[in-house]
């Protein structure tokens, strides 16, 4: 298990849910955490994609 959370250092007080999503995506190994923390708009898109994929 990797314990790298570059997003923690990034200021994202607006989206506390993001940390959860990133943990999900990193554990699911679908989307790299670095990529998530790197882009803002794609983040939201990926979030919904992950949720949709998880819920089915």
Protein backbone atom coordinates (compact mmCIF):
# COMPACT_ATOMS: atom_id res chain seq x y z
CA UNK A 1 0.00 0.00 0.00
CA UNK A 2 1.34 3.39 -0.93
CA UNK A 3 0.96 6.23 1.52
CA UNK A 4 1.64 9.13 -0.81
CA UNK A 5 -0.87 11.95 -0.63
CA UNK A 6 0.47 14.93 -2.57
CA UNK A 7 -3.03 16.37 -2.49
CA UNK A 8 -2.71 16.95 1.25
CA UNK A 9 -0.11 19.61 0.58
CA UNK A 10 -2.33 21.20 -2.05
CA UNK A 11 -4.83 23.75 -0.70
CA UNK A 12 -8.27 22.27 -1.31
CA UNK A 13 -10.48 23.37 1.59
CA UNK A 14 -13.40 23.60 -0.79
CA UNK A 15 -13.46 19.88 -1.47
CA UNK A 16 -12.97 17.82 1.69
CA UNK A 17 -14.64 14.97 -0.16
CA UNK A 18 -11.74 14.94 -2.56
CA UNK A 19 -9.42 13.33 -0.08
CA UNK A 20 -11.83 10.44 0.17
CA UNK A 21 -12.12 10.19 -3.61
CA UNK A 22 -8.37 10.20 -4.02
CA UNK A 23 -8.02 7.45 -1.43
CA UNK A 24 -10.67 5.51 -3.33
CA UNK A 25 -9.02 6.02 -6.69
CA UNK A 26 -5.58 5.23 -5.33
CA UNK A 27 -6.80 2.04 -3.69
CA UNK A 28 -8.76 1.13 -6.81
CA UNK A 29 -5.64 1.94 -8.85
CA UNK A 30 -7.83 3.47 -11.54
CA UNK A 31 -6.40 6.99 -11.56
CA UNK A 32 -2.96 8.01 -10.25
CA UNK A 33 -3.07 10.30 -7.23
CA UNK A 34 -0.46 12.58 -8.73
CA UNK A 35 -2.62 13.09 -11.79
CA UNK A 36 -5.62 13.88 -9.61
CA UNK A 37 -3.81 16.47 -7.53
CA UNK A 38 -2.31 17.91 -10.68
CA UNK A 39 -5.51 19.01 -12.42
CA UNK A 40 -8.44 20.88 -10.92
CA UNK A 41 -11.20 20.52 -13.48
CA UNK A 42 -10.33 16.97 -14.43
CA UNK A 43 -10.47 16.24 -10.72
CA UNK A 44 -14.18 16.90 -10.54
CA UNK A 45 -14.78 14.90 -13.70
CA UNK A 46 -12.74 11.99 -12.40
CA UNK A 47 -14.57 12.17 -9.09
CA UNK A 48 -17.94 11.69 -10.69
CA UNK A 49 -16.54 9.02 -12.98
CA UNK A 50 -15.17 7.11 -10.01
CA UNK A 51 -18.47 7.42 -8.17
CA UNK A 52 -20.42 6.30 -11.22
CA UNK A 53 -18.09 3.38 -11.72
CA UNK A 54 -18.26 2.41 -8.06
CA UNK A 55 -22.04 2.63 -7.82
CA UNK A 56 -22.46 0.93 -11.16
